[in-house]
Amino acid sequence: MADFVAAIDQGTSSTRFMVFDHAGGVVGRQQLEHRQIMPRAGWVEHSPVEIWERTRSVVASG
């Protein structure tokens, strides 16, 4: 059985990475926000490249 479980939470405004032990306790976490691109009223877009970069960063430092 693995020692830890890790999870990536890709939200609307940020990417979060958390590591849990067997008891469910948090042993590591990292979160980075990403830009909200609003090309029109009521529209929100995100850069897939920025999301991928944030994901790599939080996993590397979490």
Protein backbone atom coordinates (compact mmCIF):
# COMPACT_ATOMS: atom_id res chain seq x y z
CA MET A 1 0.00 0.00 0.00
CA ALA A 2 1.22 3.50 -0.82
CA ASP A 3 2.40 5.77 2.00
CA PHE A 4 0.52 8.84 0.77
CA VAL A 5 -2.28 9.93 -1.55
CA ALA A 6 -2.03 13.09 -3.64
CA ALA A 7 -4.80 15.11 -5.27
CA ILE A 8 -4.95 17.96 -7.78
CA ASP A 9 -7.91 20.34 -7.51
CA GLN A 10 -8.29 22.43 -10.66
CA GLY A 11 -10.65 25.23 -9.73
CA THR A 12 -12.00 28.27 -11.51
CA SER A 13 -9.34 30.59 -10.14
CA SER A 14 -6.48 28.35 -9.01
CA THR A 15 -4.72 25.00 -9.09
CA ARG A 16 -4.23 23.25 -5.75
CA PHE A 17 -2.16 20.15 -4.90
CA MET A 18 -2.52 18.31 -1.58
CA VAL A 19 -0.83 15.24 -0.11
CA PHE A 20 -2.59 13.14 2.56
CA ASP A 21 -1.37 10.44 4.93
CA HIS A 22 -3.25 7.21 5.77
CA ALA A 23 -5.25 8.96 8.49
CA GLY A 24 -6.42 11.64 6.05
CA GLY A 25 -4.16 14.29 7.52
CA VAL A 26 -2.69 16.89 5.18
CA VAL A 27 1.08 16.52 4.98
CA GLY A 28 1.68 18.90 2.07
CA ARG A 29 -0.15 21.52 0.06
CA GLN A 30 0.49 24.16 -2.54
CA GLN A 31 -1.83 26.50 -4.45
CA LEU A 32 -1.29 28.96 -7.30
CA GLU A 33 -3.86 31.27 -8.87
CA HIS A 34 -4.26 31.74 -12.60
CA ARG A 35 -5.49 34.66 -14.66
CA GLN A 36 -9.15 35.23 -15.39
CA ILE A 37 -9.43 36.35 -19.02
CA MET A 38 -12.67 38.23 -19.66
CA PRO A 39 -13.04 38.92 -23.39
CA ARG A 40 -16.71 39.99 -23.03
CA ALA A 41 -19.15 40.75 -20.27
CA GLY A 42 -20.21 37.46 -18.69
CA TRP A 43 -17.42 35.42 -20.34
CA VAL A 44 -14.43 33.95 -18.50
CA GLU A 45 -11.60 32.12 -20.20
CA HIS A 46 -8.35 30.55 -19.01
CA SER A 47 -5.06 29.81 -20.70
CA PRO A 48 -4.52 26.04 -20.93
CA VAL A 49 -0.77 26.62 -21.04
CA GLU A 50 -0.91 28.64 -17.81
CA ILE A 51 -3.05 25.95 -16.13
CA TRP A 52 -0.55 23.26 -17.17
CA GLU A 53 2.39 25.36 -15.89
CA ARG A 54 0.60 25.95 -12.56
CA THR A 55 -0.16 22.23 -12.26
CA ARG A 56 3.47 21.29 -12.82
CA SER A 57 4.61 23.92 -10.30
CA VAL A 58 2.28 22.91 -7.48
CA VAL A 59 3.08 19.20 -7.88
CA ALA A 60 6.83 19.91 -7.89
CA SER A 61 6.66 22.02 -4.73
CA GLY A 62 3.85 20.26 -2.85
